[in-house]
Amino acid sequence: MSKQAAPQRELTSIWTPANIVTCVRIVFIPIFMLFALGEGELLGLGRAAESLVAFVLYVALSLTDKVDGNLARSRGEITNFGKFLDPIADKLLVFSALLVFLDHGLISTWVVFIILIREFLVSALRMIASAVGVVIAADQLGKAKTAVTMVAICGYLLTECLLAFGAPGADMLGTISWALMIAAVVLTVVSGIQYFWNCRDVVFRI
């Protein structure tokens, strides 16, 4: 049985626990990039330690993706600020890692471009739909795309970590992560097309 959301409370501030979690997630994204790019020399860490911190931090930030939404619903503290900020935090988290991988030469520029253009188009679609009173919720295909993308990213980060420590299994994990990223790109394209097909009446409305 699914949990019911708590009745919406009258709020006097946007700084609810859920929104604070979202803001903390955004603040820590540049810190993740600092370690993932190997620019943590000021802390006196070696590359192995930096890659480990980057991996652990990214996994922790990924796990908080559901925390803020669950907090908002369970406490009846859903705000427009949260609705605006949460998807931005999710996209920043994904693209921060993709930019790191691009810098390290681990993925193609086309991977980043395809994922980026899909996010722009779907965001624009949601804005158009919202203007006519239609809410476009994430469907199962879109959720699968997000899940596969996050797993692929964590796989790449763990591969970098294993390589830095000289641990076995890095090559195999790197191949698996590459395959997952290709699957994520395919799901990105297919789910984007599905969104537009399902909302064709909104897009082509006169």
N, C-alpha and C. Protein backbone atom coordinates (compact mmCIF):
# COMPACT_ATOMS: atom_id res chain seq x y z
N MET A 1 0.85 -1.20 0.00
CA MET A 1 0.00 0.00 0.00
C MET A 1 0.88 1.24 0.00
N SER A 2 0.63 2.19 -0.91
CA SER A 2 1.46 3.38 -0.99
C SER A 2 1.10 4.36 0.11
N LYS A 3 2.12 5.13 0.53
CA LYS A 3 1.90 6.11 1.58
C LYS A 3 1.19 7.32 1.03
N GLN A 4 0.23 7.83 1.82
CA GLN A 4 -0.49 9.02 1.42
C GLN A 4 0.28 10.26 1.87
N ALA A 5 0.26 11.30 1.03
CA ALA A 5 0.93 12.54 1.40
C ALA A 5 0.17 13.21 2.53
N ALA A 6 0.89 13.88 3.41
CA ALA A 6 0.26 14.59 4.52
C ALA A 6 -0.50 15.79 3.98
N PRO A 7 -1.58 16.23 4.67
CA PRO A 7 -2.31 17.41 4.22
C PRO A 7 -1.39 18.62 4.14
N GLN A 8 -1.59 19.43 3.11
CA GLN A 8 -0.74 20.60 2.92
C GLN A 8 -0.89 21.58 4.08
N ARG A 9 0.24 21.96 4.67
CA ARG A 9 0.23 22.90 5.79
C ARG A 9 0.39 24.32 5.28
N GLU A 10 -0.06 25.28 6.09
CA GLU A 10 0.15 26.69 5.76
C GLU A 10 1.57 27.06 6.16
N LEU A 11 2.36 27.49 5.19
CA LEU A 11 3.78 27.76 5.44
C LEU A 11 4.04 29.25 5.54
N THR A 12 5.01 29.59 6.37
CA THR A 12 5.41 31.00 6.54
C THR A 12 6.79 31.26 5.98
N SER A 13 7.47 30.21 5.54
CA SER A 13 8.82 30.35 4.99
C SER A 13 9.07 29.26 3.96
N ILE A 14 9.91 29.59 2.98
CA ILE A 14 10.27 28.59 1.98
C ILE A 14 11.34 27.65 2.51
N TRP A 15 11.93 28.00 3.66
CA TRP A 15 13.04 27.20 4.17
C TRP A 15 12.54 26.02 4.99
N THR A 16 11.90 25.11 4.28
CA THR A 16 11.45 23.87 4.88
C THR A 16 12.61 22.87 4.90
N PRO A 17 12.53 21.81 5.71
CA PRO A 17 13.60 20.79 5.69
C PRO A 17 13.87 20.24 4.30
N ALA A 18 12.82 20.03 3.51
CA ALA A 18 13.00 19.50 2.15
C ALA A 18 13.79 20.46 1.28
N ASN A 19 13.46 21.75 1.34
CA ASN A 19 14.17 22.73 0.52
C ASN A 19 15.60 22.93 0.99
N ILE A 20 15.83 22.79 2.28
CA ILE A 20 17.20 22.89 2.80
C ILE A 20 18.05 21.73 2.27
N VAL A 21 17.47 20.53 2.25
CA VAL A 21 18.19 19.37 1.71
C VAL A 21 18.54 19.61 0.24
N THR A 22 17.61 20.15 -0.52
CA THR A 22 17.86 20.44 -1.94
C THR A 22 18.99 21.44 -2.10
N CYS A 23 18.97 22.49 -1.29
CA CYS A 23 20.02 23.52 -1.38
C CYS A 23 21.38 22.96 -0.99
N VAL A 24 21.41 22.11 0.04
CA VAL A 24 22.67 21.49 0.44
C VAL A 24 23.21 20.64 -0.69
N ARG A 25 22.32 19.93 -1.38
CA ARG A 25 22.73 19.10 -2.51
C ARG A 25 23.41 19.94 -3.59
N ILE A 26 22.83 21.10 -3.88
CA ILE A 26 23.40 21.98 -4.90
C ILE A 26 24.75 22.53 -4.46
N VAL A 27 24.86 22.91 -3.18
CA VAL A 27 26.11 23.47 -2.66
C VAL A 27 27.25 22.46 -2.76
N PHE A 28 26.95 21.18 -2.56
CA PHE A 28 27.99 20.17 -2.55
C PHE A 28 28.40 19.71 -3.96
N ILE A 29 27.65 20.09 -4.99
CA ILE A 29 27.99 19.67 -6.34
C ILE A 29 29.36 20.21 -6.79
N PRO A 30 29.66 21.51 -6.60
CA PRO A 30 31.00 21.99 -6.95
C PRO A 30 32.10 21.31 -6.15
N ILE A 31 31.80 20.94 -4.91
CA ILE A 31 32.79 20.25 -4.08
C ILE A 31 33.08 18.87 -4.67
N PHE A 32 32.02 18.19 -5.11
CA PHE A 32 32.20 16.91 -5.80
C PHE A 32 33.10 17.08 -7.01
N MET A 33 32.83 18.11 -7.81
CA MET A 33 33.61 18.34 -9.02
C MET A 33 35.07 18.62 -8.69
N LEU A 34 35.31 19.32 -7.60
CA LEU A 34 36.67 19.64 -7.18
C LEU A 34 37.49 18.37 -6.98
N PHE A 35 36.90 17.41 -6.28
CA PHE A 35 37.61 16.15 -6.03
C PHE A 35 37.65 15.27 -7.28
N ALA A 36 36.54 15.23 -8.03
CA ALA A 36 36.48 14.38 -9.21
C ALA A 36 37.46 14.82 -10.29
N LEU A 37 37.73 16.13 -10.37
CA LEU A 37 38.66 16.66 -11.36
C LEU A 37 40.10 16.60 -10.88
N GLY A 38 40.30 16.15 -9.62
CA GLY A 38 41.65 16.04 -9.09
C GLY A 38 42.25 17.37 -8.71
N GLU A 39 41.38 18.29 -8.23
CA GLU A 39 41.87 19.62 -7.87
C GLU A 39 41.79 19.86 -6.36
N GLY A 40 41.93 18.79 -5.59
CA GLY A 40 41.87 18.92 -4.14
C GLY A 40 43.23 18.98 -3.48
N GLU A 41 44.24 19.52 -4.20
CA GLU A 41 45.60 19.54 -3.67
C GLU A 41 45.72 20.32 -2.37
N LEU A 42 44.84 21.33 -2.21
CA LEU A 42 44.92 22.16 -1.00
C LEU A 42 44.70 21.34 0.26
N LEU A 43 44.01 20.22 0.15
CA LEU A 43 43.77 19.36 1.31
C LEU A 43 44.88 18.32 1.47
N GLY A 44 45.82 18.32 0.56
CA GLY A 44 46.92 17.39 0.66
C GLY A 44 46.55 15.95 0.36
N LEU A 45 45.50 15.75 -0.41
CA LEU A 45 45.06 14.39 -0.74
C LEU A 45 45.71 13.92 -2.04
N GLY A 46 45.99 12.64 -2.10
CA GLY A 46 46.47 12.04 -3.34
C GLY A 46 45.31 11.75 -4.27
N ARG A 47 45.61 11.33 -5.50
CA ARG A 47 44.56 11.08 -6.48
C ARG A 47 43.63 9.96 -6.04
N ALA A 48 44.20 8.94 -5.39
CA ALA A 48 43.36 7.83 -4.95
C ALA A 48 42.33 8.30 -3.94
N ALA A 49 42.78 9.09 -2.96
CA ALA A 49 41.87 9.59 -1.93
C ALA A 49 40.83 10.53 -2.54
N GLU A 50 41.26 11.35 -3.49
CA GLU A 50 40.33 12.28 -4.15
C GLU A 50 39.23 11.53 -4.90
N SER A 51 39.62 10.50 -5.62
CA SER A 51 38.63 9.73 -6.38
C SER A 51 37.67 9.00 -5.45
N LEU A 52 38.16 8.55 -4.31
CA LEU A 52 37.29 7.88 -3.34
C LEU A 52 36.29 8.86 -2.75
N VAL A 53 36.77 10.06 -2.39
CA VAL A 53 35.88 11.08 -1.85
C VAL A 53 34.82 11.47 -2.88
N ALA A 54 35.25 11.61 -4.14
CA ALA A 54 34.31 11.98 -5.21
C ALA A 54 33.23 10.92 -5.37
N PHE A 55 33.62 9.65 -5.35
CA PHE A 55 32.66 8.57 -5.50
C PHE A 55 31.67 8.54 -4.34
N VAL A 56 32.18 8.57 -3.11
CA VAL A 56 31.31 8.51 -1.93
C VAL A 56 30.37 9.72 -1.89
N LEU A 57 30.91 10.89 -2.22
CA LEU A 57 30.10 12.11 -2.19
C LEU A 57 29.00 12.05 -3.23
N TYR A 58 29.32 11.55 -4.42
CA TYR A 58 28.31 11.49 -5.48
C TYR A 58 27.20 10.50 -5.13
N VAL A 59 27.59 9.37 -4.57
CA VAL A 59 26.58 8.38 -4.16
C VAL A 59 25.67 8.99 -3.09
N ALA A 60 26.26 9.71 -2.13
CA ALA A 60 25.46 10.33 -1.06
C ALA A 60 24.51 11.38 -1.64
N LEU A 61 25.00 12.20 -2.57
CA LEU A 61 24.15 13.22 -3.19
C LEU A 61 23.05 12.57 -4.01
N SER A 62 23.35 11.48 -4.68
CA SER A 62 22.34 10.77 -5.48
C SER A 62 21.24 10.21 -4.59
N LEU A 63 21.62 9.68 -3.43
CA LEU A 63 20.64 9.09 -2.53
C LEU A 63 19.72 10.14 -1.92
N THR A 64 20.19 11.39 -1.83
CA THR A 64 19.33 12.45 -1.29
C THR A 64 18.29 12.92 -2.30
N ASP A 65 18.38 12.39 -3.53
CA ASP A 65 17.44 12.80 -4.59
C ASP A 65 16.00 12.58 -4.16
N LYS A 66 15.74 11.47 -3.47
CA LYS A 66 14.38 11.16 -3.04
C LYS A 66 14.04 11.73 -1.67
N VAL A 67 15.08 12.09 -0.90
CA VAL A 67 14.86 12.53 0.48
C VAL A 67 14.04 13.80 0.53
N ASP A 68 14.41 14.79 -0.29
CA ASP A 68 13.71 16.07 -0.22
C ASP A 68 12.24 15.94 -0.63
N GLY A 69 11.99 15.15 -1.68
CA GLY A 69 10.60 14.96 -2.12
C GLY A 69 9.78 14.24 -1.08
N ASN A 70 10.35 13.19 -0.48
CA ASN A 70 9.63 12.45 0.57
C ASN A 70 9.37 13.33 1.79
N LEU A 71 10.35 14.16 2.13
CA LEU A 71 10.17 15.08 3.27
C LEU A 71 9.02 16.04 3.01
N ALA A 72 9.02 16.62 1.81
CA ALA A 72 7.99 17.60 1.47
C ALA A 72 6.60 16.98 1.52
N ARG A 73 6.45 15.78 0.96
CA ARG A 73 5.13 15.14 0.93
C ARG A 73 4.70 14.65 2.31
N SER A 74 5.62 14.06 3.06
CA SER A 74 5.26 13.50 4.36
C SER A 74 4.92 14.59 5.38
N ARG A 75 5.52 15.77 5.21
CA ARG A 75 5.30 16.88 6.14
C ARG A 75 4.25 17.87 5.64
N GLY A 76 3.73 17.64 4.43
CA GLY A 76 2.76 18.57 3.87
C GLY A 76 3.35 19.94 3.62
N GLU A 77 4.61 19.95 3.13
CA GLU A 77 5.33 21.21 2.95
C GLU A 77 5.81 21.37 1.50
N ILE A 78 4.92 21.08 0.57
CA ILE A 78 5.26 21.23 -0.84
C ILE A 78 5.19 22.70 -1.22
N THR A 79 6.30 23.24 -1.76
CA THR A 79 6.37 24.65 -2.11
C THR A 79 6.72 24.82 -3.59
N ASN A 80 6.37 25.97 -4.14
CA ASN A 80 6.74 26.27 -5.52
C ASN A 80 8.25 26.37 -5.65
N PHE A 81 8.90 26.89 -4.60
CA PHE A 81 10.35 26.98 -4.60
C PHE A 81 10.98 25.60 -4.72
N GLY A 82 10.43 24.63 -4.00
CA GLY A 82 10.92 23.27 -4.06
C GLY A 82 10.68 22.64 -5.42
N LYS A 83 9.49 22.87 -5.99
CA LYS A 83 9.17 22.34 -7.31
C LYS A 83 10.13 22.90 -8.37
N PHE A 84 10.54 24.16 -8.17
CA PHE A 84 11.46 24.80 -9.10
C PHE A 84 12.89 24.29 -8.92
N LEU A 85 13.32 24.18 -7.66
CA LEU A 85 14.72 23.89 -7.37
C LEU A 85 15.09 22.42 -7.50
N ASP A 86 14.18 21.51 -7.14
CA ASP A 86 14.52 20.09 -7.11
C ASP A 86 14.96 19.55 -8.48
N PRO A 87 14.20 19.80 -9.55
CA PRO A 87 14.67 19.30 -10.86
C PRO A 87 15.97 19.95 -11.31
N ILE A 88 16.21 21.20 -10.91
CA ILE A 88 17.47 21.86 -11.24
C ILE A 88 18.62 21.14 -10.55
N ALA A 89 18.43 20.80 -9.27
CA ALA A 89 19.46 20.09 -8.52
C ALA A 89 19.75 18.74 -9.17
N ASP A 90 18.72 18.04 -9.60
CA ASP A 90 18.90 16.73 -10.25
C ASP A 90 19.73 16.86 -11.53
N LYS A 91 19.40 17.87 -12.34
CA LYS A 91 20.10 18.04 -13.61
C LYS A 91 21.54 18.49 -13.38
N LEU A 92 21.76 19.37 -12.41
CA LEU A 92 23.12 19.81 -12.10
C LEU A 92 23.98 18.64 -11.64
N LEU A 93 23.38 17.74 -10.87
CA LEU A 93 24.11 16.59 -10.37
C LEU A 93 24.56 15.68 -11.52
N VAL A 94 23.66 15.46 -12.47
CA VAL A 94 24.00 14.61 -13.62
C VAL A 94 25.04 15.28 -14.50
N PHE A 95 24.82 16.55 -14.85
CA PHE A 95 25.71 17.21 -15.80
C PHE A 95 27.07 17.54 -15.20
N SER A 96 27.14 17.71 -13.89
CA SER A 96 28.45 17.92 -13.26
C SER A 96 29.33 16.70 -13.48
N ALA A 97 28.76 15.51 -13.32
CA ALA A 97 29.53 14.27 -13.53
C ALA A 97 29.87 14.10 -15.01
N LEU A 98 28.92 14.37 -15.90
CA LEU A 98 29.18 14.22 -17.33
C LEU A 98 30.30 15.15 -17.79
N LEU A 99 30.34 16.36 -17.24
CA LEU A 99 31.41 17.30 -17.61
C LEU A 99 32.76 16.80 -17.11
N VAL A 100 32.78 16.18 -15.94
CA VAL A 100 34.02 15.59 -15.42
C VAL A 100 34.50 14.49 -16.35
N PHE A 101 33.58 13.61 -16.75
CA PHE A 101 33.94 12.50 -17.64
C PHE A 101 34.42 13.03 -19.00
N LEU A 102 33.78 14.10 -19.46
CA LEU A 102 34.19 14.72 -20.73
C LEU A 102 35.61 15.26 -20.60
N ASP A 103 35.90 15.88 -19.47
CA ASP A 103 37.23 16.42 -19.22
C ASP A 103 38.28 15.30 -19.18
N HIS A 104 37.88 14.15 -18.64
CA HIS A 104 38.80 13.01 -18.53
C HIS A 104 38.85 12.16 -19.80
N GLY A 105 38.04 12.52 -20.79
CA GLY A 105 38.02 11.77 -22.04
C GLY A 105 37.35 10.41 -21.94
N LEU A 106 36.45 10.26 -20.96
CA LEU A 106 35.80 8.97 -20.74
C LEU A 106 34.54 8.79 -21.58
N ILE A 107 33.90 9.89 -21.96
CA ILE A 107 32.68 9.82 -22.76
C ILE A 107 32.79 10.78 -23.93
N SER A 108 31.94 10.55 -24.91
CA SER A 108 31.91 11.40 -26.10
C SER A 108 31.12 12.68 -25.84
N THR A 109 31.51 13.72 -26.57
CA THR A 109 30.76 14.98 -26.50
C THR A 109 29.31 14.76 -26.90
N TRP A 110 29.08 13.81 -27.81
CA TRP A 110 27.72 13.53 -28.28
C TRP A 110 26.83 13.01 -27.16
N VAL A 111 27.40 12.27 -26.23
CA VAL A 111 26.62 11.77 -25.10
C VAL A 111 26.06 12.95 -24.29
N VAL A 112 26.93 13.91 -24.00
CA VAL A 112 26.52 15.08 -23.23
C VAL A 112 25.50 15.90 -24.02
N PHE A 113 25.76 16.06 -25.32
CA PHE A 113 24.87 16.86 -26.16
C PHE A 113 23.47 16.26 -26.21
N ILE A 114 23.39 14.94 -26.43
CA ILE A 114 22.08 14.29 -26.54
C ILE A 114 21.29 14.41 -25.24
N ILE A 115 21.95 14.16 -24.12
CA ILE A 115 21.27 14.25 -22.83
C ILE A 115 20.87 15.70 -22.54
N LEU A 116 21.75 16.64 -22.89
CA LEU A 116 21.46 18.05 -22.63
C LEU A 116 20.28 18.54 -23.46
N ILE A 117 20.29 18.23 -24.76
CA ILE A 117 19.22 18.72 -25.63
C ILE A 117 17.88 18.11 -25.25
N ARG A 118 17.90 16.85 -24.80
CA ARG A 118 16.65 16.21 -24.37
C ARG A 118 16.09 16.93 -23.15
N GLU A 119 16.96 17.28 -22.20
CA GLU A 119 16.49 17.96 -20.99
C GLU A 119 15.93 19.33 -21.32
N PHE A 120 16.57 20.06 -22.24
CA PHE A 120 16.07 21.36 -22.65
C PHE A 120 14.69 21.23 -23.30
N LEU A 121 14.55 20.26 -24.20
CA LEU A 121 13.30 20.09 -24.93
C LEU A 121 12.15 19.67 -23.99
N VAL A 122 12.42 18.72 -23.09
CA VAL A 122 11.38 18.26 -22.18
C VAL A 122 11.01 19.36 -21.19
N SER A 123 12.00 20.14 -20.74
CA SER A 123 11.70 21.27 -19.85
C SER A 123 10.82 22.30 -20.55
N ALA A 124 11.14 22.57 -21.82
CA ALA A 124 10.32 23.50 -22.60
C ALA A 124 8.91 22.95 -22.78
N LEU A 125 8.81 21.65 -23.03
CA LEU A 125 7.51 21.01 -23.19
C LEU A 125 6.69 21.15 -21.91
N ARG A 126 7.32 20.95 -20.76
CA ARG A 126 6.61 21.08 -19.49
C ARG A 126 6.12 22.51 -19.28
N MET A 127 6.93 23.49 -19.69
CA MET A 127 6.52 24.89 -19.55
C MET A 127 5.30 25.18 -20.42
N ILE A 128 5.31 24.69 -21.66
CA ILE A 128 4.18 24.90 -22.56
C ILE A 128 2.93 24.22 -22.00
N ALA A 129 3.09 22.99 -21.54
CA ALA A 129 1.95 22.25 -20.99
C ALA A 129 1.40 22.92 -19.75
N SER A 130 2.30 23.42 -18.90
CA SER A 130 1.87 24.10 -17.67
C SER A 130 1.06 25.35 -17.98
N ALA A 131 1.43 26.03 -19.06
CA ALA A 131 0.72 27.26 -19.45
C ALA A 131 -0.72 27.00 -19.83
N VAL A 132 -1.02 25.76 -20.26
CA VAL A 132 -2.40 25.43 -20.63
C VAL A 132 -3.04 24.51 -19.58
N GLY A 133 -2.41 24.43 -18.42
CA GLY A 133 -2.99 23.68 -17.31
C GLY A 133 -2.77 22.18 -17.35
N VAL A 134 -1.80 21.72 -18.12
CA VAL A 134 -1.49 20.29 -18.21
C VAL A 134 -0.21 20.00 -17.44
N VAL A 135 -0.27 19.04 -16.55
CA VAL A 135 0.90 18.65 -15.77
C VAL A 135 1.51 17.39 -16.37
N ILE A 136 2.80 17.44 -16.71
CA ILE A 136 3.49 16.28 -17.28
C ILE A 136 4.36 15.67 -16.20
N ALA A 137 3.91 14.57 -15.66
CA ALA A 137 4.68 13.87 -14.62
C ALA A 137 5.67 12.92 -15.26
N ALA A 138 6.72 12.59 -14.52
CA ALA A 138 7.70 11.63 -15.03
C ALA A 138 7.05 10.26 -15.15
N ASP A 139 7.21 9.63 -16.32
CA ASP A 139 6.64 8.30 -16.51
C ASP A 139 7.68 7.24 -16.20
N GLN A 140 7.32 5.98 -16.35
CA GLN A 140 8.22 4.89 -15.99
C GLN A 140 9.48 4.88 -16.85
N LEU A 141 9.34 5.22 -18.12
CA LEU A 141 10.49 5.24 -19.01
C LEU A 141 11.47 6.34 -18.61
N GLY A 142 10.90 7.49 -18.25
CA GLY A 142 11.74 8.59 -17.80
C GLY A 142 12.46 8.26 -16.50
N LYS A 143 11.76 7.58 -15.59
CA LYS A 143 12.39 7.17 -14.33
C LYS A 143 13.48 6.13 -14.58
N ALA A 144 13.24 5.23 -15.54
CA ALA A 144 14.26 4.23 -15.88
C ALA A 144 15.49 4.91 -16.46
N LYS A 145 15.27 5.92 -17.29
CA LYS A 145 16.39 6.67 -17.87
C LYS A 145 17.24 7.30 -16.78
N THR A 146 16.57 7.91 -15.81
CA THR A 146 17.30 8.55 -14.71
C THR A 146 18.08 7.53 -13.89
N ALA A 147 17.44 6.41 -13.59
CA ALA A 147 18.09 5.38 -12.78
C ALA A 147 19.32 4.81 -13.49
N VAL A 148 19.19 4.48 -14.77
CA VAL A 148 20.31 3.91 -15.53
C VAL A 148 21.44 4.92 -15.65
N THR A 149 21.09 6.18 -15.86
CA THR A 149 22.11 7.23 -15.96
C THR A 149 22.90 7.35 -14.67
N MET A 150 22.20 7.37 -13.54
CA MET A 150 22.88 7.50 -12.25
C MET A 150 23.76 6.29 -11.95
N VAL A 151 23.29 5.10 -12.28
CA VAL A 151 24.09 3.89 -12.06
C VAL A 151 25.34 3.92 -12.94
N ALA A 152 25.18 4.35 -14.19
CA ALA A 152 26.33 4.44 -15.10
C ALA A 152 27.35 5.44 -14.58
N ILE A 153 26.88 6.58 -14.09
CA ILE A 153 27.79 7.60 -13.56
C ILE A 153 28.55 7.06 -12.34
N CYS A 154 27.82 6.42 -11.43
CA CYS A 154 28.47 5.84 -10.25
C CYS A 154 29.47 4.76 -10.67
N GLY A 155 29.15 4.02 -11.73
CA GLY A 155 30.07 3.01 -12.23
C GLY A 155 31.36 3.62 -12.74
N TYR A 156 31.24 4.72 -13.48
CA TYR A 156 32.42 5.42 -13.98
C TYR A 156 33.28 5.94 -12.83
N LEU A 157 32.63 6.52 -11.83
CA LEU A 157 33.36 7.06 -10.68
C LEU A 157 34.07 5.96 -9.90
N LEU A 158 33.39 4.82 -9.75
CA LEU A 158 34.01 3.70 -9.04
C LEU A 158 35.17 3.14 -9.87
N THR A 159 35.04 3.13 -11.19
CA THR A 159 36.12 2.67 -12.06
C THR A 159 37.36 3.55 -11.86
N GLU A 160 37.15 4.87 -11.83
CA GLU A 160 38.26 5.80 -11.60
C GLU A 160 38.91 5.54 -10.24
N CYS A 161 38.08 5.23 -9.27
CA CYS A 161 38.56 4.95 -7.92
C CYS A 161 39.42 3.68 -7.91
N LEU A 162 38.93 2.63 -8.56
CA LEU A 162 39.67 1.38 -8.61
C LEU A 162 41.00 1.55 -9.34
N LEU A 163 40.99 2.33 -10.42
CA LEU A 163 42.22 2.58 -11.16
C LEU A 163 43.23 3.33 -10.30
N ALA A 164 42.73 4.32 -9.56
CA ALA A 164 43.63 5.13 -8.72
C ALA A 164 44.27 4.29 -7.63
N PHE A 165 43.52 3.32 -7.10
CA PHE A 165 44.05 2.46 -6.04
C PHE A 165 44.78 1.24 -6.59
N GLY A 166 44.73 1.06 -7.92
CA GLY A 166 45.36 -0.10 -8.53
C GLY A 166 44.65 -1.39 -8.20
N ALA A 167 43.36 -1.31 -7.93
CA ALA A 167 42.57 -2.49 -7.56
C ALA A 167 42.13 -3.23 -8.82
N PRO A 168 41.93 -4.54 -8.73
CA PRO A 168 41.49 -5.32 -9.90
C PRO A 168 40.03 -5.05 -10.24
N GLY A 169 39.67 -5.34 -11.48
CA GLY A 169 38.27 -5.23 -11.90
C GLY A 169 37.91 -3.91 -12.53
N ALA A 170 38.86 -2.97 -12.61
CA ALA A 170 38.55 -1.64 -13.14
C ALA A 170 38.16 -1.71 -14.61
N ASP A 171 38.90 -2.51 -15.40
CA ASP A 171 38.61 -2.59 -16.84
C ASP A 171 37.22 -3.15 -17.11
N MET A 172 36.86 -4.20 -16.38
CA MET A 172 35.54 -4.80 -16.57
C MET A 172 34.43 -3.84 -16.15
N LEU A 173 34.64 -3.18 -15.01
CA LEU A 173 33.63 -2.23 -14.54
C LEU A 173 33.51 -1.06 -15.50
N GLY A 174 34.64 -0.64 -16.07
CA GLY A 174 34.60 0.45 -17.05
C GLY A 174 33.79 0.07 -18.28
N THR A 175 33.93 -1.16 -18.72
CA THR A 175 33.16 -1.64 -19.88
C THR A 175 31.67 -1.69 -19.55
N ILE A 176 31.35 -2.18 -18.36
CA ILE A 176 29.94 -2.23 -17.93
C ILE A 176 29.36 -0.82 -17.84
N SER A 177 30.14 0.10 -17.28
CA SER A 177 29.68 1.49 -17.14
C SER A 177 29.45 2.12 -18.50
N TRP A 178 30.34 1.82 -19.47
CA TRP A 178 30.17 2.34 -20.83
C TRP A 178 28.88 1.80 -21.44
N ALA A 179 28.62 0.50 -21.26
CA ALA A 179 27.39 -0.10 -21.80
C ALA A 179 26.15 0.52 -21.17
N LEU A 180 26.22 0.78 -19.87
CA LEU A 180 25.09 1.40 -19.17
C LEU A 180 24.87 2.84 -19.67
N MET A 181 25.97 3.54 -19.96
CA MET A 181 25.82 4.91 -20.45
C MET A 181 25.19 4.92 -21.83
N ILE A 182 25.55 3.95 -22.68
CA ILE A 182 24.91 3.84 -24.00
C ILE A 182 23.42 3.56 -23.82
N ALA A 183 23.09 2.66 -22.88
CA ALA A 183 21.68 2.36 -22.61
C ALA A 183 20.96 3.60 -22.12
N ALA A 184 21.65 4.41 -21.30
CA ALA A 184 21.05 5.64 -20.79
C ALA A 184 20.77 6.62 -21.92
N VAL A 185 21.69 6.70 -22.88
CA VAL A 185 21.48 7.59 -24.03
C VAL A 185 20.29 7.13 -24.86
N VAL A 186 20.19 5.82 -25.09
CA VAL A 186 19.05 5.28 -25.84
C VAL A 186 17.74 5.58 -25.11
N LEU A 187 17.71 5.36 -23.80
CA LEU A 187 16.50 5.65 -23.02
C LEU A 187 16.20 7.14 -23.02
N THR A 188 17.25 7.95 -23.04
CA THR A 188 17.08 9.41 -23.09
C THR A 188 16.33 9.81 -24.36
N VAL A 189 16.76 9.25 -25.49
CA VAL A 189 16.12 9.59 -26.77
C VAL A 189 14.70 9.05 -26.82
N VAL A 190 14.53 7.77 -26.47
CA VAL A 190 13.21 7.14 -26.57
C VAL A 190 12.22 7.80 -25.63
N SER A 191 12.63 8.07 -24.39
CA SER A 191 11.71 8.69 -23.43
C SER A 191 11.36 10.11 -23.85
N GLY A 192 12.34 10.83 -24.44
CA GLY A 192 12.06 12.18 -24.94
C GLY A 192 11.03 12.16 -26.05
N ILE A 193 11.19 11.22 -26.99
CA ILE A 193 10.22 11.08 -28.07
C ILE A 193 8.84 10.73 -27.51
N GLN A 194 8.81 9.85 -26.52
CA GLN A 194 7.54 9.45 -25.92
C GLN A 194 6.83 10.63 -25.26
N TYR A 195 7.60 11.48 -24.55
CA TYR A 195 7.01 12.67 -23.94
C TYR A 195 6.31 13.54 -24.99
N PHE A 196 7.00 13.78 -26.10
CA PHE A 196 6.43 14.64 -27.13
C PHE A 196 5.25 13.97 -27.83
N TRP A 197 5.32 12.66 -28.02
CA TRP A 197 4.21 11.96 -28.65
C TRP A 197 2.97 12.01 -27.76
N ASN A 198 3.16 11.78 -26.47
CA ASN A 198 2.04 11.80 -25.54
C ASN A 198 1.43 13.20 -25.40
N CYS A 199 2.24 14.22 -25.67
CA CYS A 199 1.77 15.60 -25.52
C CYS A 199 1.63 16.31 -26.86
N ARG A 200 1.46 15.53 -27.91
CA ARG A 200 1.37 16.13 -29.24
C ARG A 200 0.19 17.08 -29.36
N ASP A 201 -0.90 16.80 -28.65
CA ASP A 201 -2.05 17.70 -28.71
C ASP A 201 -1.72 19.05 -28.08
N VAL A 202 -0.83 19.04 -27.09
CA VAL A 202 -0.44 20.30 -26.45
C VAL A 202 0.54 21.06 -27.34
N VAL A 203 1.52 20.35 -27.89
CA VAL A 203 2.55 20.98 -28.72
C VAL A 203 1.98 21.61 -29.98
N PHE A 204 1.05 20.89 -30.62
CA PHE A 204 0.52 21.37 -31.90
C PHE A 204 -0.86 22.03 -31.75
N ARG A 205 -1.17 22.42 -30.51
CA ARG A 205 -2.44 23.13 -30.29
C ARG A 205 -2.36 24.54 -30.87
N ILE A 206 -3.41 24.95 -31.54
CA ILE A 206 -3.44 26.30 -32.14
C ILE A 206 -3.79 27.32 -31.06
